[in-house]
């Protein structure tokens, strides 16, 4: 079980493009910003499939560059 800080920001997003190496281009729902996100280790371990159009939860990077997909909804 991963422990997340109270400072972590998790937002809802939609997958719009699949990229190589389990990376995805996602569109955030709250402000329509497009960013790159990668799968978390647990999702890779349990082979959770993420397809185009899926709604996912994205843990935002503190620097604002990338995000990590932590849940498929």
PDB file of N, CA and C in Angstrom:
ATOM      1  N   UNK A   1       0.846  -1.178   0.000  1.00  0.00           N
ATOM      2  CA  UNK A   1       0.000   0.000   0.000  1.00  0.00           C
ATOM      3  C   UNK A   1       0.885   1.232   0.000  1.00  0.00           C
ATOM      4  N   UNK A   2       0.611   2.148  -0.895  1.00  0.00           N
ATOM      5  CA  UNK A   2       1.433   3.347  -0.976  1.00  0.00           C
ATOM      6  C   UNK A   2       0.889   4.411  -0.035  1.00  0.00           C
ATOM      7  N   UNK A   3       1.796   5.085   0.620  1.00  0.00           N
ATOM      8  CA  UNK A   3       1.412   6.167   1.528  1.00  0.00           C
ATOM      9  C   UNK A   3       1.638   7.479   0.805  1.00  0.00           C
ATOM     10  N   UNK A   4       0.600   8.284   0.735  1.00  0.00           N
ATOM     11  CA  UNK A   4       0.702   9.558   0.048  1.00  0.00           C
ATOM     12  C   UNK A   4       0.622  10.684   1.072  1.00  0.00           C
ATOM     13  N   UNK A   5       1.367  11.726   0.814  1.00  0.00           N
ATOM     14  CA  UNK A   5       1.379  12.875   1.700  1.00  0.00           C
ATOM     15  C   UNK A   5       0.079  13.636   1.591  1.00  0.00           C
ATOM     16  N   UNK A   6      -0.204  14.445   2.587  1.00  0.00           N
ATOM     17  CA  UNK A   6      -1.396  15.282   2.512  1.00  0.00           C
ATOM     18  C   UNK A   6      -1.200  16.420   1.514  1.00  0.00           C
ATOM     19  N   UNK A   7       0.069  16.673   1.107  1.00  0.00           N
ATOM     20  CA  UNK A   7       0.360  17.731   0.139  1.00  0.00           C
ATOM     21  C   UNK A   7       0.106  17.281  -1.297  1.00  0.00           C
ATOM     22  N   UNK A   8      -0.038  15.974  -1.522  1.00  0.00           N
ATOM     23  CA  UNK A   8      -0.214  15.458  -2.875  1.00  0.00           C
ATOM     24  C   UNK A   8      -1.545  15.917  -3.463  1.00  0.00           C
ATOM     25  N   UNK A   9      -1.521  16.230  -4.744  1.00  0.00           N
ATOM     26  CA  UNK A   9      -2.714  16.687  -5.453  1.00  0.00           C
ATOM     27  C   UNK A   9      -3.123  15.602  -6.438  1.00  0.00           C
ATOM     28  N   UNK A  10      -4.320  15.052  -6.252  1.00  0.00           N
ATOM     29  CA  UNK A  10      -4.839  14.033  -7.145  1.00  0.00           C
ATOM     30  C   UNK A  10      -6.025  14.621  -7.889  1.00  0.00           C
ATOM     31  N   UNK A  11      -5.976  14.566  -9.229  1.00  0.00           N
ATOM     32  CA  UNK A  11      -7.037  15.124 -10.054  1.00  0.00           C
ATOM     33  C   UNK A  11      -7.560  14.047 -10.996  1.00  0.00           C
ATOM     34  N   UNK A  12      -8.732  14.272 -11.525  1.00  0.00           N
ATOM     35  CA  UNK A  12      -9.342  13.370 -12.479  1.00  0.00           C
ATOM     36  C   UNK A  12      -8.951  13.807 -13.891  1.00  0.00           C
ATOM     37  N   UNK A  13      -8.720  12.822 -14.773  1.00  0.00           N
ATOM     38  CA  UNK A  13      -8.291  13.131 -16.139  1.00  0.00           C
ATOM     39  C   UNK A  13      -8.825  12.066 -17.086  1.00  0.00           C
ATOM     40  N   UNK A  14      -8.773  12.387 -18.381  1.00  0.00           N
ATOM     41  CA  UNK A  14      -9.185  11.461 -19.425  1.00  0.00           C
ATOM     42  C   UNK A  14      -7.988  11.167 -20.322  1.00  0.00           C
ATOM     43  N   UNK A  15      -7.784   9.900 -20.645  1.00  0.00           N
ATOM     44  CA  UNK A  15      -6.675   9.491 -21.509  1.00  0.00           C
ATOM     45  C   UNK A  15      -7.036   9.840 -22.951  1.00  0.00           C
ATOM     46  N   UNK A  16      -6.150  10.596 -23.625  1.00  0.00           N
ATOM     47  CA  UNK A  16      -6.427  10.986 -25.005  1.00  0.00           C
ATOM     48  C   UNK A  16      -5.447  10.380 -26.007  1.00  0.00           C
ATOM     49  N   UNK A  17      -4.288   9.872 -25.513  1.00  0.00           N
ATOM     50  CA  UNK A  17      -3.308   9.278 -26.425  1.00  0.00           C
ATOM     51  C   UNK A  17      -2.417   8.321 -25.644  1.00  0.00           C
ATOM     52  N   UNK A  18      -2.102   7.185 -26.250  1.00  0.00           N
ATOM     53  CA  UNK A  18      -1.172   6.223 -25.662  1.00  0.00           C
ATOM     54  C   UNK A  18       0.198   6.432 -26.286  1.00  0.00           C
ATOM     55  N   UNK A  19       1.214   6.540 -25.450  1.00  0.00           N
ATOM     56  CA  UNK A  19       2.590   6.744 -25.882  1.00  0.00           C
ATOM     57  C   UNK A  19       3.409   5.503 -25.525  1.00  0.00           C
ATOM     58  N   UNK A  20       4.625   5.354 -26.050  1.00  0.00           N
ATOM     59  CA  UNK A  20       5.453   4.191 -25.699  1.00  0.00           C
ATOM     60  C   UNK A  20       5.845   4.188 -24.220  1.00  0.00           C
ATOM     61  N   UNK A  21       6.257   3.007 -23.748  1.00  0.00           N
ATOM     62  CA  UNK A  21       6.771   2.808 -22.387  1.00  0.00           C
ATOM     63  C   UNK A  21       5.732   3.135 -21.308  1.00  0.00           C
ATOM     64  N   UNK A  22       4.510   2.698 -21.502  1.00  0.00           N
ATOM     65  CA  UNK A  22       3.399   2.887 -20.555  1.00  0.00           C
ATOM     66  C   UNK A  22       3.215   4.349 -20.141  1.00  0.00           C
ATOM     67  N   UNK A  23       3.370   5.239 -21.094  1.00  0.00           N
ATOM     68  CA  UNK A  23       3.101   6.651 -20.849  1.00  0.00           C
ATOM     69  C   UNK A  23       1.860   7.039 -21.639  1.00  0.00           C
ATOM     70  N   UNK A  24       1.150   8.026 -21.127  1.00  0.00           N
ATOM     71  CA  UNK A  24      -0.108   8.446 -21.733  1.00  0.00           C
ATOM     72  C   UNK A  24      -0.197   9.961 -21.736  1.00  0.00           C
ATOM     73  N   UNK A  25      -0.888  10.494 -22.735  1.00  0.00           N
ATOM     74  CA  UNK A  25      -1.205  11.910 -22.756  1.00  0.00           C
ATOM     75  C   UNK A  25      -2.623  12.017 -22.200  1.00  0.00           C
ATOM     76  N   UNK A  26      -2.789  12.796 -21.138  1.00  0.00           N
ATOM     77  CA  UNK A  26      -4.082  12.917 -20.477  1.00  0.00           C
ATOM     78  C   UNK A  26      -4.536  14.371 -20.470  1.00  0.00           C
ATOM     79  N   UNK A  27      -5.840  14.554 -20.424  1.00  0.00           N
ATOM     80  CA  UNK A  27      -6.438  15.883 -20.371  1.00  0.00           C
ATOM     81  C   UNK A  27      -7.134  16.021 -19.023  1.00  0.00           C
ATOM     82  N   UNK A  28      -6.660  16.968 -18.222  1.00  0.00           N
ATOM     83  CA  UNK A  28      -7.231  17.174 -16.893  1.00  0.00           C
ATOM     84  C   UNK A  28      -8.647  17.717 -17.013  1.00  0.00           C
ATOM     85  N   UNK A  29      -9.528  17.254 -16.133  1.00  0.00           N
ATOM     86  CA  UNK A  29     -10.925  17.653 -16.232  1.00  0.00           C
ATOM     87  C   UNK A  29     -11.187  19.041 -15.661  1.00  0.00           C
ATOM     88  N   UNK A  30     -10.405  19.447 -14.673  1.00  0.00           N
ATOM     89  CA  UNK A  30     -10.731  20.715 -14.008  1.00  0.00           C
ATOM     90  C   UNK A  30     -10.313  21.949 -14.793  1.00  0.00           C
ATOM     91  N   UNK A  31      -9.236  21.856 -15.591  1.00  0.00           N
ATOM     92  CA  UNK A  31      -8.807  23.048 -16.328  1.00  0.00           C
ATOM     93  C   UNK A  31      -8.442  22.762 -17.786  1.00  0.00           C
ATOM     94  N   UNK A  32      -8.778  21.591 -18.311  1.00  0.00           N
ATOM     95  CA  UNK A  32      -8.532  21.196 -19.706  1.00  0.00           C
ATOM     96  C   UNK A  32      -7.071  21.291 -20.122  1.00  0.00           C
ATOM     97  N   UNK A  33      -6.156  21.164 -19.187  1.00  0.00           N
ATOM     98  CA  UNK A  33      -4.726  21.159 -19.492  1.00  0.00           C
ATOM     99  C   UNK A  33      -4.327  19.759 -19.941  1.00  0.00           C
ATOM    100  N   UNK A  34      -3.450  19.666 -20.943  1.00  0.00           N
ATOM    101  CA  UNK A  34      -2.965  18.383 -21.448  1.00  0.00           C
ATOM    102  C   UNK A  34      -1.553  18.159 -20.918  1.00  0.00           C
ATOM    103  N   UNK A  35      -1.307  16.956 -20.368  1.00  0.00           N
ATOM    104  CA  UNK A  35       0.010  16.652 -19.832  1.00  0.00           C
ATOM    105  C   UNK A  35       0.327  15.179 -20.041  1.00  0.00           C
ATOM    106  N   UNK A  36       1.571  14.800 -19.805  1.00  0.00           N
ATOM    107  CA  UNK A  36       2.022  13.427 -19.940  1.00  0.00           C
ATOM    108  C   UNK A  36       1.983  12.774 -18.561  1.00  0.00           C
ATOM    109  N   UNK A  37       1.481  11.534 -18.526  1.00  0.00           N
ATOM    110  CA  UNK A  37       1.426  10.784 -17.275  1.00  0.00           C
ATOM    111  C   UNK A  37       1.902   9.365 -17.526  1.00  0.00           C
ATOM    112  N   UNK A  38       2.493   8.758 -16.491  1.00  0.00           N
ATOM    113  CA  UNK A  38       2.969   7.390 -16.609  1.00  0.00           C
ATOM    114  C   UNK A  38       2.231   6.517 -15.590  1.00  0.00           C
ATOM    115  N   UNK A  39       2.245   5.209 -15.807  1.00  0.00           N
ATOM    116  CA  UNK A  39       1.566   4.287 -14.909  1.00  0.00           C
ATOM    117  C   UNK A  39       2.344   4.105 -13.614  1.00  0.00           C
ATOM    118  N   UNK A  40       1.639   3.968 -12.520  1.00  0.00           N
ATOM    119  CA  UNK A  40       2.297   3.701 -11.248  1.00  0.00           C
ATOM    120  C   UNK A  40       2.775   2.246 -11.221  1.00  0.00           C
ATOM    121  N   UNK A  41       3.670   1.954 -10.318  1.00  0.00           N
ATOM    122  CA  UNK A  41       4.240   0.617 -10.228  1.00  0.00           C
ATOM    123  C   UNK A  41       3.222  -0.458  -9.912  1.00  0.00           C
ATOM    124  N   UNK A  42       2.261  -0.168  -9.048  1.00  0.00           N
ATOM    125  CA  UNK A  42       1.227  -1.149  -8.698  1.00  0.00           C
ATOM    126  C   UNK A  42       0.352  -1.480  -9.899  1.00  0.00           C
ATOM    127  N   UNK A  43       0.079  -0.483 -10.748  1.00  0.00           N
ATOM    128  CA  UNK A  43      -0.745  -0.736 -11.925  1.00  0.00           C
ATOM    129  C   UNK A  43       0.013  -1.589 -12.935  1.00  0.00           C
ATOM    130  N   UNK A  44       1.336  -1.393 -13.035  1.00  0.00           N
ATOM    131  CA  UNK A  44       2.145  -2.247 -13.902  1.00  0.00           C
ATOM    132  C   UNK A  44       2.211  -3.668 -13.341  1.00  0.00           C
ATOM    133  N   UNK A  45       2.388  -3.778 -12.033  1.00  0.00           N
ATOM    134  CA  UNK A  45       2.523  -5.071 -11.374  1.00  0.00           C
ATOM    135  C   UNK A  45       1.272  -5.922 -11.558  1.00  0.00           C
ATOM    136  N   UNK A  46       0.112  -5.326 -11.398  1.00  0.00           N
ATOM    137  CA  UNK A  46      -1.154  -6.048 -11.505  1.00  0.00           C
ATOM    138  C   UNK A  46      -1.740  -6.010 -12.914  1.00  0.00           C
ATOM    139  N   UNK A  47      -0.975  -5.462 -13.861  1.00  0.00           N
ATOM    140  CA  UNK A  47      -1.333  -5.427 -15.282  1.00  0.00           C
ATOM    141  C   UNK A  47      -2.718  -4.812 -15.520  1.00  0.00           C
ATOM    142  N   UNK A  48      -2.942  -3.653 -14.923  1.00  0.00           N
ATOM    143  CA  UNK A  48      -4.176  -2.906 -15.135  1.00  0.00           C
ATOM    144  C   UNK A  48      -4.102  -2.261 -16.516  1.00  0.00           C
ATOM    145  N   UNK A  49      -5.081  -2.515 -17.350  1.00  0.00           N
ATOM    146  CA  UNK A  49      -5.098  -1.963 -18.702  1.00  0.00           C
ATOM    147  C   UNK A  49      -5.715  -0.569 -18.681  1.00  0.00           C
ATOM    148  N   UNK A  50      -5.074   0.353 -19.356  1.00  0.00           N
ATOM    149  CA  UNK A  50      -5.586   1.710 -19.518  1.00  0.00           C
ATOM    150  C   UNK A  50      -5.760   1.949 -21.009  1.00  0.00           C
ATOM    151  N   UNK A  51      -6.968   2.306 -21.402  1.00  0.00           N
ATOM    152  CA  UNK A  51      -7.288   2.490 -22.810  1.00  0.00           C
ATOM    153  C   UNK A  51      -7.652   3.938 -23.085  1.00  0.00           C
ATOM    154  N   UNK A  52      -7.709   4.284 -24.365  1.00  0.00           N
ATOM    155  CA  UNK A  52      -8.101   5.636 -24.754  1.00  0.00           C
ATOM    156  C   UNK A  52      -9.533   5.899 -24.287  1.00  0.00           C
ATOM    157  N   UNK A  53      -9.761   7.073 -23.749  1.00  0.00           N
ATOM    158  CA  UNK A  53     -11.085   7.449 -23.283  1.00  0.00           C
ATOM    159  C   UNK A  53     -11.354   7.087 -21.832  1.00  0.00           C
ATOM    160  N   UNK A  54     -10.459   6.351 -21.187  1.00  0.00           N
ATOM    161  CA  UNK A  54     -10.653   5.988 -19.782  1.00  0.00           C
ATOM    162  C   UNK A  54     -10.499   7.208 -18.880  1.00  0.00           C
ATOM    163  N   UNK A  55     -11.260   7.220 -17.811  1.00  0.00           N
ATOM    164  CA  UNK A  55     -11.108   8.238 -16.779  1.00  0.00           C
ATOM    165  C   UNK A  55     -10.170   7.681 -15.719  1.00  0.00           C
ATOM    166  N   UNK A  56      -9.152   8.445 -15.372  1.00  0.00           N
ATOM    167  CA  UNK A  56      -8.131   7.999 -14.430  1.00  0.00           C
ATOM    168  C   UNK A  56      -7.893   9.077 -13.369  1.00  0.00           C
ATOM    169  N   UNK A  57      -7.316   8.652 -12.245  1.00  0.00           N
ATOM    170  CA  UNK A  57      -6.861   9.590 -11.223  1.00  0.00           C
ATOM    171  C   UNK A  57      -5.374   9.800 -11.412  1.00  0.00           C
ATOM    172  N   UNK A  58      -4.953  11.059 -11.453  1.00  0.00           N
ATOM    173  CA  UNK A  58      -3.558  11.395 -11.714  1.00  0.00           C
ATOM    174  C   UNK A  58      -2.991  12.137 -10.508  1.00  0.00           C
ATOM    175  N   UNK A  59      -1.872  11.632 -10.003  1.00  0.00           N
ATOM    176  CA  UNK A  59      -1.146  12.290  -8.926  1.00  0.00           C
ATOM    177  C   UNK A  59      -0.179  13.264  -9.580  1.00  0.00           C
ATOM    178  N   UNK A  60      -0.362  14.559  -9.360  1.00  0.00           N
ATOM    179  CA  UNK A  60       0.450  15.576 -10.026  1.00  0.00           C
ATOM    180  C   UNK A  60       1.829  15.666  -9.399  1.00  0.00           C
ATOM    181  N   UNK A  61       2.817  15.891 -10.239  1.00  0.00           N
ATOM    182  CA  UNK A  61       4.197  16.091  -9.817  1.00  0.00           C
ATOM    183  C   UNK A  61       4.295  17.458  -9.153  1.00  0.00           C
ATOM    184  N   UNK A  62       5.117  17.567  -8.130  1.00  0.00           N
ATOM    185  CA  UNK A  62       5.245  18.843  -7.430  1.00  0.00           C
ATOM    186  C   UNK A  62       5.878  19.920  -8.308  1.00  0.00           C
ATOM    187  N   UNK A  63       6.608  19.511  -9.352  1.00  0.00           N
ATOM    188  CA  UNK A  63       7.231  20.475 -10.245  1.00  0.00           C
ATOM    189  C   UNK A  63       6.354  20.821 -11.437  1.00  0.00           C
ATOM    190  N   UNK A  64       5.282  20.074 -11.663  1.00  0.00           N
ATOM    191  CA  UNK A  64       4.342  20.401 -12.718  1.00  0.00           C
ATOM    192  C   UNK A  64       4.651  19.822 -14.074  1.00  0.00           C
ATOM    193  N   UNK A  65       5.650  18.952 -14.190  1.00  0.00           N
ATOM    194  CA  UNK A  65       6.023  18.420 -15.489  1.00  0.00           C
ATOM    195  C   UNK A  65       5.216  17.213 -15.909  1.00  0.00           C
ATOM    196  N   UNK A  66       5.144  16.207 -15.053  1.00  0.00           N
ATOM    197  CA  UNK A  66       4.478  14.955 -15.370  1.00  0.00           C
ATOM    198  C   UNK A  66       3.490  14.615 -14.270  1.00  0.00           C
ATOM    199  N   UNK A  67       2.752  13.571 -14.526  1.00  0.00           N
ATOM    200  CA  UNK A  67       1.843  13.051 -13.522  1.00  0.00           C
ATOM    201  C   UNK A  67       1.968  11.539 -13.477  1.00  0.00           C
ATOM    202  N   UNK A  68       1.419  10.927 -12.429  1.00  0.00           N
ATOM    203  CA  UNK A  68       1.447   9.485 -12.294  1.00  0.00           C
ATOM    204  C   UNK A  68       0.012   8.982 -12.183  1.00  0.00           C
ATOM    205  N   UNK A  69      -0.354   8.051 -13.043  1.00  0.00           N
ATOM    206  CA  UNK A  69      -1.699   7.481 -13.018  1.00  0.00           C
ATOM    207  C   UNK A  69      -1.747   6.467 -11.878  1.00  0.00           C
ATOM    208  N   UNK A  70      -2.607   6.733 -10.892  1.00  0.00           N
ATOM    209  CA  UNK A  70      -2.659   5.872  -9.715  1.00  0.00           C
ATOM    210  C   UNK A  70      -3.931   5.042  -9.649  1.00  0.00           C
ATOM    211  N   UNK A  71      -4.946   5.374 -10.453  1.00  0.00           N
ATOM    212  CA  UNK A  71      -6.201   4.645 -10.367  1.00  0.00           C
ATOM    213  C   UNK A  71      -6.977   4.784 -11.661  1.00  0.00           C
ATOM    214  N   UNK A  72      -7.583   3.699 -12.095  1.00  0.00           N
ATOM    215  CA  UNK A  72      -8.481   3.727 -13.240  1.00  0.00           C
ATOM    216  C   UNK A  72      -9.905   3.693 -12.715  1.00  0.00           C
ATOM    217  N   UNK A  73     -10.718   4.653 -13.150  1.00  0.00           N
ATOM    218  CA  UNK A  73     -12.067   4.745 -12.602  1.00  0.00           C
ATOM    219  C   UNK A  73     -13.103   4.211 -13.564  1.00  0.00           C
TER     220      UNK A  73
END
